[in-house]
Amino acid sequence: MECDKCGSDAIHHAAYSGAHLCGEHLRQSVEKRVKRRVREDGLLDPDATPDDPDRWVIGLSGGKDSVALTRILDDVFGKDPRVEMLALTIHEGIEGYRDASVDACVELADELSLRHELVSYEEEFDVRMDDVVEDDPEDMAACAYCGVFRRDLLEKYAAEFDADKLLTGHNLDDEAQTAMMNFLEGDVRQVAKHFDASLGPFDEREATDAFVPRAKPLRDVPEKEIALYCHVRDLPTHMAECPHAEEAYRGEIQSTIHELEENHPGARHSIMAGYEELSALAADAYRGGDGDGAGDEDDGEGSALRECERCGSKTSRDVCRKCRLLDSIEAAT
C-alpha cells in the first residue's frame, strides 16, 4: 500500500476519504485539520496583542489527545506574542496510572518550555479516586464522580489563571459519541448548550461571564489518527487506559458508532455535520433560559445560575453537584 501523496509506504488508510497516507503526510493531514478548526472557530481573538495576549489553558492529561493538541498548538502559536499558553494537569489519585501520565506531561512541557501546573483531587477535595471507587456511596460508575471533579478543577483553575479560553483534547470519536447520546436521550436543551459551550464559532456563541469559553481543536480528527500522529512524531504519551474506566452507556454508543463507521465510512463526520447544524438551531431557540453552556448537569429547565453556598462555583441549586458528592463520600468513610 503506497501513500497517495508521495508513493512511500502508507501507514494508514482513511476509509472515509479513501486516502492512503505515509507517516509524514498523515502528520500534515492532522495538523491541517486542526489549523482549519482553529480558524473556523476563531480561536485566536482578533484583538489580541503582545501587550494583551489571548491566554489559553490546555487540559494536559498525558494521553494521546491532549499531548497531540499541546504539541500542535505550540508548533503554531508557541512563538506568537499574541498568545500565552499554560498546561494544566489534574492528578485524580489513581495508583499506577496517573503518575506515569504526569511524567509524560512534565516531559512534554519541559521540551516545549511551556508553563505547567499540576493540581490533585487529594489537595483540593481530600479524596483519591481509588478510595472513591472502593466506597462508591452513590452506586455510580467511576467516570461519573471523576467527570464532576475534573470539570470543577478545570473551570476553577482556568478562571484562577485568568484564561480567555479552556482547550481540551476531545477528538472526532468523543464528539460523535456525545452527539449520539444527546440524540438518544432526547435532550434538545443539552444539544443547545453544547453549541455555546464548545461547538460554535466564538463569534456565534452566547457570551457569558459564568464560565471560561471552551474549544476542542481536535474534534475533526479520528482517534486512531491522533494515536498514529503521536507515534509518528515520537511524542511522550501515556497510552494505558484508566483502570476505573467503565462507562457502560457510552461504551455501547462507542461500539455502535464504530460498527457504523466500519460499514459506512464517514458516519462519524456525518453525525457531527448534522449535530452541529442542529445545535446552532437549538441554541437560537433556547437562549434566554438557563443557558450557561458549560454543561453543569444540575441545570434544569429554566433554572438560573447562582453561586454554590459551599464553594462558590456556578450551579442551578443551592449546593453544587461536586459538593453534594463530596458530602456523600465523606459520609461513607
C-alpha atoms as a PDB file:
ATOM      1  CA  MET A   1       0.000   0.000   0.000  1.00  0.00           C
ATOM      2  CA  GLU A   2       1.538   3.273  -1.146  1.00  0.00           C
ATOM      3  CA  CYS A   3       0.972   6.830   0.028  1.00  0.00           C
ATOM      4  CA  ASP A   4      -1.274   8.723  -2.397  1.00  0.00           C
ATOM      5  CA  LYS A   5       0.868  11.821  -1.978  1.00  0.00           C
ATOM      6  CA  CYS A   6       4.414  10.574  -2.461  1.00  0.00           C
ATOM      7  CA  GLY A   7       4.470   6.842  -3.183  1.00  0.00           C
ATOM      8  CA  SER A   8       6.183   5.935   0.092  1.00  0.00           C
ATOM      9  CA  ASP A   9       4.870   3.089   2.225  1.00  0.00           C
ATOM     10  CA  ALA A  10       1.499   4.060   3.676  1.00  0.00           C
ATOM     11  CA  ILE A  11       0.840   3.513   7.371  1.00  0.00           C
ATOM     12  CA  HIS A  12      -2.849   4.427   7.316  1.00  0.00           C
ATOM     13  CA  HIS A  13      -5.909   4.047   5.115  1.00  0.00           C
ATOM     14  CA  ALA A  14      -8.628   6.590   5.898  1.00  0.00           C
ATOM     15  CA  ALA A  15     -11.678   4.708   4.607  1.00  0.00           C
ATOM     16  CA  TYR A  16     -13.935   7.761   4.955  1.00  0.00           C
ATOM     17  CA  SER A  17     -11.860   9.650   2.365  1.00  0.00           C
ATOM     18  CA  GLY A  18     -10.150   6.788   0.552  1.00  0.00           C
ATOM     19  CA  ALA A  19      -6.730   8.283   1.284  1.00  0.00           C
ATOM     20  CA  HIS A  20      -3.612   6.177   1.861  1.00  0.00           C
ATOM     21  CA  LEU A  21      -1.019   8.162   3.800  1.00  0.00           C
ATOM     22  CA  CYS A  22       2.582   7.713   4.875  1.00  0.00           C
ATOM     23  CA  GLY A  23       3.673   8.966   8.278  1.00  0.00           C
ATOM     24  CA  GLU A  24       4.732  12.393   7.058  1.00  0.00           C
ATOM     25  CA  HIS A  25       1.569  13.049   5.080  1.00  0.00           C
ATOM     26  CA  LEU A  26      -0.618  11.764   7.919  1.00  0.00           C
ATOM     27  CA  ARG A  27       1.146  14.274  10.163  1.00  0.00           C
ATOM     28  CA  GLN A  28       0.444  17.056   7.688  1.00  0.00           C
ATOM     29  CA  SER A  29      -3.187  15.971   7.308  1.00  0.00           C
ATOM     30  CA  VAL A  30      -3.848  16.007  11.061  1.00  0.00           C
ATOM     31  CA  GLU A  31      -2.184  19.382  11.525  1.00  0.00           C
ATOM     32  CA  LYS A  32      -4.064  20.865   8.563  1.00  0.00           C
ATOM     33  CA  ARG A  33      -7.434  19.892  10.063  1.00  0.00           C
ATOM     34  CA  VAL A  34      -6.542  21.273  13.486  1.00  0.00           C
ATOM     35  CA  LYS A  35      -5.399  24.569  11.971  1.00  0.00           C
ATOM     36  CA  ARG A  36      -8.612  24.761   9.943  1.00  0.00           C
ATOM     37  CA  ARG A  37     -10.703  24.206  13.067  1.00  0.00           C
ATOM     38  CA  VAL A  38      -8.740  26.907  14.874  1.00  0.00           C
ATOM     39  CA  ARG A  39      -9.506  29.332  12.034  1.00  0.00           C
ATOM     40  CA  GLU A  40     -13.163  28.387  11.641  1.00  0.00           C
ATOM     41  CA  ASP A  41     -13.850  28.642  15.368  1.00  0.00           C
ATOM     42  CA  GLY A  42     -11.998  31.951  15.639  1.00  0.00           C
ATOM     43  CA  LEU A  43      -9.864  30.596  18.468  1.00  0.00           C
ATOM     44  CA  LEU A  44      -7.401  33.476  18.400  1.00  0.00           C
ATOM     45  CA  ASP A  45      -9.046  36.707  19.482  1.00  0.00           C
ATOM     46  CA  PRO A  46      -8.559  39.202  16.624  1.00  0.00           C
ATOM     47  CA  ASP A  47      -7.991  41.936  19.200  1.00  0.00           C
ATOM     48  CA  ALA A  48      -5.150  40.068  20.931  1.00  0.00           C
ATOM     49  CA  THR A  49      -1.826  41.917  21.046  1.00  0.00           C
ATOM     50  CA  PRO A  50       1.608  41.250  22.564  1.00  0.00           C
ATOM     51  CA  ASP A  51       0.658  43.645  25.374  1.00  0.00           C
ATOM     52  CA  ASP A  52      -2.730  41.982  25.893  1.00  0.00           C
ATOM     53  CA  PRO A  53      -2.377  38.374  24.667  1.00  0.00           C
ATOM     54  CA  ASP A  54      -5.082  35.730  24.412  1.00  0.00           C
ATOM     55  CA  ARG A  55      -4.452  33.351  27.331  1.00  0.00           C
ATOM     56  CA  TRP A  56      -5.194  29.669  26.776  1.00  0.00           C
ATOM     57  CA  VAL A  57      -5.254  26.930  29.416  1.00  0.00           C
ATOM     58  CA  ILE A  58      -4.784  23.475  27.873  1.00  0.00           C
ATOM     59  CA  GLY A  59      -6.047  20.443  29.768  1.00  0.00           C
ATOM     60  CA  LEU A  60      -2.986  18.163  29.552  1.00  0.00           C
ATOM     61  CA  SER A  61      -3.516  14.626  30.860  1.00  0.00           C
ATOM     62  CA  GLY A  62      -0.563  12.926  29.199  1.00  0.00           C
ATOM     63  CA  GLY A  63      -2.835  10.854  26.959  1.00  0.00           C
ATOM     64  CA  LYS A  64      -2.519  10.896  23.184  1.00  0.00           C
ATOM     65  CA  ASP A  65      -5.203  13.522  22.537  1.00  0.00           C
ATOM     66  CA  SER A  66      -4.041  16.210  24.934  1.00  0.00           C
ATOM     67  CA  VAL A  67      -0.384  15.596  24.065  1.00  0.00           C
ATOM     68  CA  ALA A  68      -1.072  15.937  20.327  1.00  0.00           C
ATOM     69  CA  LEU A  69      -3.144  19.072  20.931  1.00  0.00           C
ATOM     70  CA  THR A  70      -0.440  20.696  23.046  1.00  0.00           C
ATOM     71  CA  ARG A  71       2.294  19.856  20.544  1.00  0.00           C
ATOM     72  CA  ILE A  72       0.346  21.231  17.555  1.00  0.00           C
ATOM     73  CA  LEU A  73      -0.708  24.413  19.333  1.00  0.00           C
ATOM     74  CA  ASP A  74       2.856  25.031  20.413  1.00  0.00           C
ATOM     75  CA  ASP A  75       4.072  24.498  16.841  1.00  0.00           C
ATOM     76  CA  VAL A  76       1.559  27.041  15.536  1.00  0.00           C
ATOM     77  CA  PHE A  77       1.379  29.584  18.353  1.00  0.00           C
ATOM     78  CA  GLY A  78       4.388  28.909  20.585  1.00  0.00           C
ATOM     79  CA  LYS A  79       6.283  31.915  19.262  1.00  0.00           C
ATOM     80  CA  ASP A  80       3.243  34.111  18.622  1.00  0.00           C
ATOM     81  CA  PRO A  81       3.379  37.024  21.103  1.00  0.00           C
ATOM     82  CA  ARG A  82      -0.402  37.375  20.844  1.00  0.00           C
ATOM     83  CA  VAL A  83      -0.904  34.011  22.578  1.00  0.00           C
ATOM     84  CA  GLU A  84       0.028  32.875  26.085  1.00  0.00           C
ATOM     85  CA  MET A  85      -0.368  29.150  26.793  1.00  0.00           C
ATOM     86  CA  LEU A  86      -0.384  27.188  30.038  1.00  0.00           C
ATOM     87  CA  ALA A  87      -0.802  23.428  30.514  1.00  0.00           C
ATOM     88  CA  LEU A  88      -2.952  22.189  33.416  1.00  0.00           C
ATOM     89  CA  THR A  89      -2.693  18.592  34.636  1.00  0.00           C
ATOM     90  CA  ILE A  90      -5.074  17.025  37.159  1.00  0.00           C
ATOM     91  CA  HIS A  91      -3.985  14.098  39.355  1.00  0.00           C
ATOM     92  CA  GLU A  92      -7.061  12.072  40.321  1.00  0.00           C
ATOM     93  CA  GLY A  93      -5.320   9.745  42.761  1.00  0.00           C
ATOM     94  CA  ILE A  94      -5.210   6.544  40.700  1.00  0.00           C
ATOM     95  CA  GLU A  95      -2.219   4.465  41.748  1.00  0.00           C
ATOM     96  CA  GLY A  96      -0.058   3.031  39.000  1.00  0.00           C
ATOM     97  CA  TYR A  97      -1.808   5.055  36.302  1.00  0.00           C
ATOM     98  CA  ARG A  98      -1.770   8.798  36.782  1.00  0.00           C
ATOM     99  CA  ASP A  99       1.834   9.040  37.975  1.00  0.00           C
ATOM    100  CA  ALA A 100       3.042   7.678  34.627  1.00  0.00           C
ATOM    101  CA  SER A 101       0.893  10.101  32.664  1.00  0.00           C
ATOM    102  CA  VAL A 102       2.093  13.023  34.790  1.00  0.00           C
ATOM    103  CA  ASP A 103       5.642  12.054  33.819  1.00  0.00           C
ATOM    104  CA  ALA A 104       4.630  12.348  30.150  1.00  0.00           C
ATOM    105  CA  CYS A 105       3.121  15.783  30.829  1.00  0.00           C
ATOM    106  CA  VAL A 106       6.260  17.012  32.568  1.00  0.00           C
ATOM    107  CA  GLU A 107       8.473  15.710  29.760  1.00  0.00           C
ATOM    108  CA  LEU A 108       6.404  17.442  27.079  1.00  0.00           C
ATOM    109  CA  ALA A 109       6.127  20.718  28.988  1.00  0.00           C
ATOM    110  CA  ASP A 110       9.888  20.744  29.597  1.00  0.00           C
ATOM    111  CA  GLU A 111      10.572  20.020  25.927  1.00  0.00           C
ATOM    112  CA  LEU A 112       8.333  22.914  24.862  1.00  0.00           C
ATOM    113  CA  SER A 113       9.384  25.264  27.691  1.00  0.00           C
ATOM    114  CA  LEU A 114       5.682  25.516  28.472  1.00  0.00           C
ATOM    115  CA  ARG A 115       4.339  26.643  31.834  1.00  0.00           C
ATOM    116  CA  HIS A 116       2.854  23.587  33.520  1.00  0.00           C
ATOM    117  CA  GLU A 117       0.620  23.457  36.594  1.00  0.00           C
ATOM    118  CA  LEU A 118      -0.349  20.298  38.494  1.00  0.00           C
ATOM    119  CA  VAL A 119      -3.326  20.038  40.852  1.00  0.00           C
ATOM    120  CA  SER A 120      -4.836  16.998  42.553  1.00  0.00           C
ATOM    121  CA  TYR A 121      -8.126  15.762  43.927  1.00  0.00           C
ATOM    122  CA  GLU A 122      -6.355  14.961  47.186  1.00  0.00           C
ATOM    123  CA  GLU A 123      -5.138  18.532  47.690  1.00  0.00           C
ATOM    124  CA  GLU A 124      -8.373  20.131  46.513  1.00  0.00           C
ATOM    125  CA  PHE A 125     -11.050  17.760  47.837  1.00  0.00           C
ATOM    126  CA  ASP A 126      -9.188  15.426  50.235  1.00  0.00           C
ATOM    127  CA  VAL A 127     -10.241  12.426  48.139  1.00  0.00           C
ATOM    128  CA  ARG A 128      -8.487   9.932  45.870  1.00  0.00           C
ATOM    129  CA  MET A 129     -10.342   8.188  43.066  1.00  0.00           C
ATOM    130  CA  ASP A 130      -9.048   4.784  44.181  1.00  0.00           C
ATOM    131  CA  ASP A 131     -10.842   5.292  47.509  1.00  0.00           C
ATOM    132  CA  VAL A 132     -13.962   6.773  45.899  1.00  0.00           C
ATOM    133  CA  VAL A 133     -14.305   3.745  43.629  1.00  0.00           C
ATOM    134  CA  GLU A 134     -13.914   1.368  46.566  1.00  0.00           C
ATOM    135  CA  ASP A 135     -16.577   3.102  48.683  1.00  0.00           C
ATOM    136  CA  ASP A 136     -18.888   4.157  45.792  1.00  0.00           C
ATOM    137  CA  PRO A 137     -21.520   5.821  48.013  1.00  0.00           C
ATOM    138  CA  GLU A 138     -23.727   6.843  45.071  1.00  0.00           C
ATOM    139  CA  ASP A 139     -23.566   3.476  43.268  1.00  0.00           C
ATOM    140  CA  MET A 140     -22.211   5.177  40.148  1.00  0.00           C
ATOM    141  CA  ALA A 141     -19.506   4.468  37.600  1.00  0.00           C
ATOM    142  CA  ALA A 142     -16.117   5.916  38.500  1.00  0.00           C
ATOM    143  CA  CYS A 143     -16.263   8.207  35.469  1.00  0.00           C
ATOM    144  CA  ALA A 144     -19.403   9.867  36.853  1.00  0.00           C
ATOM    145  CA  TYR A 145     -17.597  11.007  40.008  1.00  0.00           C
ATOM    146  CA  CYS A 146     -14.392  11.834  38.185  1.00  0.00           C
ATOM    147  CA  GLY A 147     -16.121  13.862  35.486  1.00  0.00           C
ATOM    148  CA  VAL A 148     -17.723  16.169  38.040  1.00  0.00           C
ATOM    149  CA  PHE A 149     -14.473  16.714  39.947  1.00  0.00           C
ATOM    150  CA  ARG A 150     -12.389  17.171  36.793  1.00  0.00           C
ATOM    151  CA  ARG A 151     -14.762  19.732  35.267  1.00  0.00           C
ATOM    152  CA  ASP A 152     -14.785  21.659  38.519  1.00  0.00           C
ATOM    153  CA  LEU A 153     -10.986  21.892  38.681  1.00  0.00           C
ATOM    154  CA  LEU A 154     -10.576  22.720  35.001  1.00  0.00           C
ATOM    155  CA  GLU A 155     -13.043  25.555  35.359  1.00  0.00           C
ATOM    156  CA  LYS A 156     -11.692  26.738  38.708  1.00  0.00           C
ATOM    157  CA  TYR A 157      -8.082  26.967  37.571  1.00  0.00           C
ATOM    158  CA  ALA A 158      -8.873  28.322  34.127  1.00  0.00           C
ATOM    159  CA  ALA A 159     -10.590  31.201  35.923  1.00  0.00           C
ATOM    160  CA  GLU A 160      -7.818  31.499  38.520  1.00  0.00           C
ATOM    161  CA  PHE A 161      -5.199  31.750  35.766  1.00  0.00           C
ATOM    162  CA  ASP A 162      -7.333  34.404  34.070  1.00  0.00           C
ATOM    163  CA  ALA A 163      -7.734  32.274  30.936  1.00  0.00           C
ATOM    164  CA  ASP A 164      -9.590  33.554  27.906  1.00  0.00           C
ATOM    165  CA  LYS A 165     -10.063  30.008  26.565  1.00  0.00           C
ATOM    166  CA  LEU A 166     -10.017  26.493  28.021  1.00  0.00           C
ATOM    167  CA  LEU A 167      -8.850  23.926  25.461  1.00  0.00           C
ATOM    168  CA  THR A 168      -9.384  20.169  25.701  1.00  0.00           C
ATOM    169  CA  GLY A 169      -8.314  17.260  23.508  1.00  0.00           C
ATOM    170  CA  HIS A 170     -11.696  15.792  22.557  1.00  0.00           C
ATOM    171  CA  ASN A 171     -11.452  14.024  19.196  1.00  0.00           C
ATOM    172  CA  LEU A 172     -13.992  13.145  16.489  1.00  0.00           C
ATOM    173  CA  ASP A 173     -14.939   9.850  18.140  1.00  0.00           C
ATOM    174  CA  ASP A 174     -15.533  11.557  21.507  1.00  0.00           C
ATOM    175  CA  GLU A 175     -17.741  14.226  19.972  1.00  0.00           C
ATOM    176  CA  ALA A 176     -19.744  11.801  17.821  1.00  0.00           C
ATOM    177  CA  GLN A 177     -20.437   9.699  20.924  1.00  0.00           C
ATOM    178  CA  THR A 178     -21.643  12.746  22.867  1.00  0.00           C
ATOM    179  CA  ALA A 179     -23.831  13.809  19.944  1.00  0.00           C
ATOM    180  CA  MET A 180     -25.403  10.351  19.666  1.00  0.00           C
ATOM    181  CA  MET A 181     -26.017  10.180  23.424  1.00  0.00           C
ATOM    182  CA  ASN A 182     -27.793  13.539  23.368  1.00  0.00           C
ATOM    183  CA  PHE A 183     -29.881  12.419  20.389  1.00  0.00           C
ATOM    184  CA  LEU A 184     -30.922   9.157  22.038  1.00  0.00           C
ATOM    185  CA  GLU A 185     -31.703  10.862  25.337  1.00  0.00           C
ATOM    186  CA  GLY A 186     -33.870  13.414  23.514  1.00  0.00           C
ATOM    187  CA  ASP A 187     -32.050  16.177  25.369  1.00  0.00           C
ATOM    188  CA  VAL A 188     -32.512  19.106  22.992  1.00  0.00           C
ATOM    189  CA  ARG A 189     -31.627  21.611  25.691  1.00  0.00           C
ATOM    190  CA  GLN A 190     -28.266  19.913  26.187  1.00  0.00           C
ATOM    191  CA  VAL A 191     -27.739  19.985  22.420  1.00  0.00           C
ATOM    192  CA  ALA A 192     -28.359  23.736  22.526  1.00  0.00           C
ATOM    193  CA  LYS A 193     -25.940  24.216  25.423  1.00  0.00           C
ATOM    194  CA  HIS A 194     -23.284  22.204  23.593  1.00  0.00           C
ATOM    195  CA  PHE A 195     -23.188  24.836  20.834  1.00  0.00           C
ATOM    196  CA  ASP A 196     -22.430  27.695  23.221  1.00  0.00           C
ATOM    197  CA  ALA A 197     -20.131  25.509  25.326  1.00  0.00           C
ATOM    198  CA  SER A 198     -17.677  24.388  22.668  1.00  0.00           C
ATOM    199  CA  LEU A 199     -19.150  23.620  19.237  1.00  0.00           C
ATOM    200  CA  GLY A 200     -19.995  27.017  17.848  1.00  0.00           C
ATOM    201  CA  PRO A 201     -17.546  29.572  16.470  1.00  0.00           C
ATOM    202  CA  PHE A 202     -16.703  32.050  19.208  1.00  0.00           C
ATOM    203  CA  ASP A 203     -18.381  34.951  17.417  1.00  0.00           C
ATOM    204  CA  GLU A 204     -21.663  32.985  17.216  1.00  0.00           C
ATOM    205  CA  ARG A 205     -21.855  31.807  20.826  1.00  0.00           C
ATOM    206  CA  GLU A 206     -23.873  33.500  23.519  1.00  0.00           C
ATOM    207  CA  ALA A 207     -21.436  35.388  25.729  1.00  0.00           C
ATOM    208  CA  THR A 208     -21.343  34.502  29.425  1.00  0.00           C
ATOM    209  CA  ASP A 209     -19.190  35.553  32.351  1.00  0.00           C
ATOM    210  CA  ALA A 210     -20.124  32.417  34.293  1.00  0.00           C
ATOM    211  CA  PHE A 211     -17.620  30.089  32.628  1.00  0.00           C
ATOM    212  CA  VAL A 212     -14.369  30.275  30.693  1.00  0.00           C
ATOM    213  CA  PRO A 213     -15.153  29.600  26.989  1.00  0.00           C
ATOM    214  CA  ARG A 214     -14.046  26.173  25.766  1.00  0.00           C
ATOM    215  CA  ALA A 215     -12.678  24.875  22.481  1.00  0.00           C
ATOM    216  CA  LYS A 216     -11.870  21.435  21.073  1.00  0.00           C
ATOM    217  CA  PRO A 217      -9.440  21.895  18.185  1.00  0.00           C
ATOM    218  CA  LEU A 218      -9.053  18.112  17.616  1.00  0.00           C
ATOM    219  CA  ARG A 219     -12.739  17.419  17.118  1.00  0.00           C
ATOM    220  CA  ASP A 220     -12.431  16.840  13.361  1.00  0.00           C
ATOM    221  CA  VAL A 221      -9.713  14.187  13.741  1.00  0.00           C
ATOM    222  CA  PRO A 222     -10.481  10.477  14.393  1.00  0.00           C
ATOM    223  CA  GLU A 223      -8.988   8.894  17.494  1.00  0.00           C
ATOM    224  CA  LYS A 224      -6.883   6.381  15.551  1.00  0.00           C
ATOM    225  CA  GLU A 225      -5.228   9.123  13.522  1.00  0.00           C
ATOM    226  CA  ILE A 226      -4.276  11.005  16.674  1.00  0.00           C
ATOM    227  CA  ALA A 227      -2.656   7.855  18.071  1.00  0.00           C
ATOM    228  CA  LEU A 228      -0.715   7.425  14.826  1.00  0.00           C
ATOM    229  CA  TYR A 229       0.239  11.103  14.884  1.00  0.00           C
ATOM    230  CA  CYS A 230       1.780  10.724  18.349  1.00  0.00           C
ATOM    231  CA  HIS A 231       3.675   7.649  17.169  1.00  0.00           C
ATOM    232  CA  VAL A 232       4.960   9.355  14.010  1.00  0.00           C
ATOM    233  CA  ARG A 233       6.181  12.360  15.988  1.00  0.00           C
ATOM    234  CA  ASP A 234       7.511  10.217  18.847  1.00  0.00           C
ATOM    235  CA  LEU A 235       5.653  12.299  21.413  1.00  0.00           C
ATOM    236  CA  PRO A 236       5.834  11.437  25.136  1.00  0.00           C
ATOM    237  CA  THR A 237       2.455   9.784  25.530  1.00  0.00           C
ATOM    238  CA  HIS A 238       0.864   7.607  28.195  1.00  0.00           C
ATOM    239  CA  MET A 239      -1.287   5.134  26.252  1.00  0.00           C
ATOM    240  CA  ALA A 240      -2.650   2.995  29.111  1.00  0.00           C
ATOM    241  CA  GLU A 241      -6.382   3.072  29.803  1.00  0.00           C
ATOM    242  CA  CYS A 242      -7.651   4.186  33.198  1.00  0.00           C
ATOM    243  CA  PRO A 243      -8.242   1.063  35.341  1.00  0.00           C
ATOM    244  CA  HIS A 244     -11.534   2.503  36.591  1.00  0.00           C
ATOM    245  CA  ALA A 245     -12.963   3.374  33.156  1.00  0.00           C
ATOM    246  CA  GLU A 246     -16.324   1.635  32.791  1.00  0.00           C
ATOM    247  CA  GLU A 247     -18.895   3.961  31.272  1.00  0.00           C
ATOM    248  CA  ALA A 248     -21.355   1.268  30.179  1.00  0.00           C
ATOM    249  CA  TYR A 249     -23.723   3.520  28.222  1.00  0.00           C
ATOM    250  CA  ARG A 250     -21.007   5.463  26.424  1.00  0.00           C
ATOM    251  CA  GLY A 251     -19.270   2.159  25.719  1.00  0.00           C
ATOM    252  CA  GLU A 252     -22.391   0.901  23.942  1.00  0.00           C
ATOM    253  CA  ILE A 253     -22.575   4.108  21.921  1.00  0.00           C
ATOM    254  CA  GLN A 254     -18.872   3.799  21.104  1.00  0.00           C
ATOM    255  CA  SER A 255     -19.379   0.258  19.805  1.00  0.00           C
ATOM    256  CA  THR A 256     -22.412   1.293  17.764  1.00  0.00           C
ATOM    257  CA  ILE A 257     -20.590   4.185  16.102  1.00  0.00           C
ATOM    258  CA  HIS A 258     -17.550   2.001  15.452  1.00  0.00           C
ATOM    259  CA  GLU A 259     -19.753  -0.541  13.671  1.00  0.00           C
ATOM    260  CA  LEU A 260     -21.467   2.211  11.677  1.00  0.00           C
ATOM    261  CA  GLU A 261     -18.100   3.608  10.640  1.00  0.00           C
ATOM    262  CA  GLU A 262     -16.864   0.168   9.588  1.00  0.00           C
ATOM    263  CA  ASN A 263     -19.932  -0.434   7.424  1.00  0.00           C
ATOM    264  CA  HIS A 264     -20.482   3.152   6.298  1.00  0.00           C
ATOM    265  CA  PRO A 265     -17.185   5.082   6.254  1.00  0.00           C
ATOM    266  CA  GLY A 266     -17.730   8.737   7.076  1.00  0.00           C
ATOM    267  CA  ALA A 267     -20.564   8.060   9.538  1.00  0.00           C
ATOM    268  CA  ARG A 268     -18.823   9.976  12.336  1.00  0.00           C
ATOM    269  CA  HIS A 269     -18.349  13.021  10.143  1.00  0.00           C
ATOM    270  CA  SER A 270     -21.991  12.863   9.036  1.00  0.00           C
ATOM    271  CA  ILE A 271     -23.207  12.601  12.626  1.00  0.00           C
ATOM    272  CA  MET A 272     -21.232  15.686  13.582  1.00  0.00           C
ATOM    273  CA  ALA A 273     -22.210  17.691  10.495  1.00  0.00           C
ATOM    274  CA  GLY A 274     -25.894  17.232  11.288  1.00  0.00           C
ATOM    275  CA  TYR A 275     -25.391  17.683  15.010  1.00  0.00           C
ATOM    276  CA  GLU A 276     -23.508  20.951  14.616  1.00  0.00           C
ATOM    277  CA  GLU A 277     -26.275  22.372  12.437  1.00  0.00           C
ATOM    278  CA  LEU A 278     -28.959  21.181  14.843  1.00  0.00           C
ATOM    279  CA  SER A 279     -27.094  22.548  17.863  1.00  0.00           C
ATOM    280  CA  ALA A 280     -26.930  26.003  16.270  1.00  0.00           C
ATOM    281  CA  LEU A 281     -30.691  25.977  15.650  1.00  0.00           C
ATOM    282  CA  ALA A 282     -31.384  24.663  19.153  1.00  0.00           C
ATOM    283  CA  ALA A 283     -29.146  27.308  20.709  1.00  0.00           C
ATOM    284  CA  ASP A 284     -31.112  30.066  18.979  1.00  0.00           C
ATOM    285  CA  ALA A 285     -34.360  28.554  20.247  1.00  0.00           C
ATOM    286  CA  TYR A 286     -33.303  28.007  23.859  1.00  0.00           C
ATOM    287  CA  ARG A 287     -31.223  31.092  24.586  1.00  0.00           C
ATOM    288  CA  GLY A 288     -32.597  33.283  27.309  1.00  0.00           C
ATOM    289  CA  GLY A 289     -33.356  30.327  29.584  1.00  0.00           C
ATOM    290  CA  ASP A 290     -30.763  28.782  31.870  1.00  0.00           C
ATOM    291  CA  GLY A 291     -28.109  28.692  29.087  1.00  0.00           C
ATOM    292  CA  ASP A 292     -24.822  28.584  30.936  1.00  0.00           C
ATOM    293  CA  GLY A 293     -23.344  26.475  28.165  1.00  0.00           C
ATOM    294  CA  ALA A 294     -20.737  24.821  30.336  1.00  0.00           C
ATOM    295  CA  GLY A 295     -22.620  21.622  30.965  1.00  0.00           C
ATOM    296  CA  ASP A 296     -23.467  21.787  34.674  1.00  0.00           C
ATOM    297  CA  GLU A 297     -25.560  18.643  34.929  1.00  0.00           C
ATOM    298  CA  ASP A 298     -27.691  20.163  37.700  1.00  0.00           C
ATOM    299  CA  ASP A 299     -29.275  22.722  35.425  1.00  0.00           C
ATOM    300  CA  GLY A 300     -32.929  22.083  34.961  1.00  0.00           C
ATOM    301  CA  GLU A 301     -35.215  23.808  32.519  1.00  0.00           C
ATOM    302  CA  GLY A 302     -35.499  27.496  33.216  1.00  0.00           C
ATOM    303  CA  SER A 303     -33.188  27.354  36.216  1.00  0.00           C
ATOM    304  CA  ALA A 304     -30.998  30.375  36.868  1.00  0.00           C
ATOM    305  CA  LEU A 305     -27.347  30.051  37.764  1.00  0.00           C
ATOM    306  CA  ARG A 306     -26.155  31.095  41.199  1.00  0.00           C
ATOM    307  CA  GLU A 307     -23.112  30.540  43.386  1.00  0.00           C
ATOM    308  CA  CYS A 308     -22.853  27.334  45.377  1.00  0.00           C
ATOM    309  CA  GLU A 309     -23.291  28.072  49.086  1.00  0.00           C
ATOM    310  CA  ARG A 310     -20.263  25.885  49.868  1.00  0.00           C
ATOM    311  CA  CYS A 311     -17.628  26.586  47.229  1.00  0.00           C
ATOM    312  CA  GLY A 312     -18.901  29.469  45.123  1.00  0.00           C
ATOM    313  CA  SER A 313     -18.945  27.589  41.818  1.00  0.00           C
ATOM    314  CA  LYS A 314     -21.806  28.201  39.409  1.00  0.00           C
ATOM    315  CA  THR A 315     -24.806  25.917  39.804  1.00  0.00           C
ATOM    316  CA  SER A 316     -28.575  25.903  39.461  1.00  0.00           C
ATOM    317  CA  ARG A 317     -29.033  24.673  43.051  1.00  0.00           C
ATOM    318  CA  ASP A 318     -28.074  25.961  46.465  1.00  0.00           C
ATOM    319  CA  VAL A 319     -25.295  23.350  46.686  1.00  0.00           C
ATOM    320  CA  CYS A 320     -23.470  22.182  43.551  1.00  0.00           C
ATOM    321  CA  ARG A 321     -23.157  18.592  42.392  1.00  0.00           C
ATOM    322  CA  LYS A 322     -19.480  18.405  43.366  1.00  0.00           C
ATOM    323  CA  CYS A 323     -20.140  19.433  46.964  1.00  0.00           C
ATOM    324  CA  ARG A 324     -23.057  17.021  47.267  1.00  0.00           C
ATOM    325  CA  LEU A 325     -20.868  14.186  46.022  1.00  0.00           C
ATOM    326  CA  LEU A 326     -18.137  15.110  48.492  1.00  0.00           C
ATOM    327  CA  ASP A 327     -20.705  15.049  51.309  1.00  0.00           C
ATOM    328  CA  SER A 328     -21.785  11.584  50.223  1.00  0.00           C
ATOM    329  CA  ILE A 329     -18.196  10.349  50.044  1.00  0.00           C
ATOM    330  CA  GLU A 330     -17.381  11.747  53.486  1.00  0.00           C
ATOM    331  CA  ALA A 331     -20.466  10.127  54.995  1.00  0.00           C
ATOM    332  CA  ALA A 332     -19.410   6.743  53.610  1.00  0.00           C
ATOM    333  CA  THR A 333     -15.929   6.803  55.142  1.00  0.00           C
END
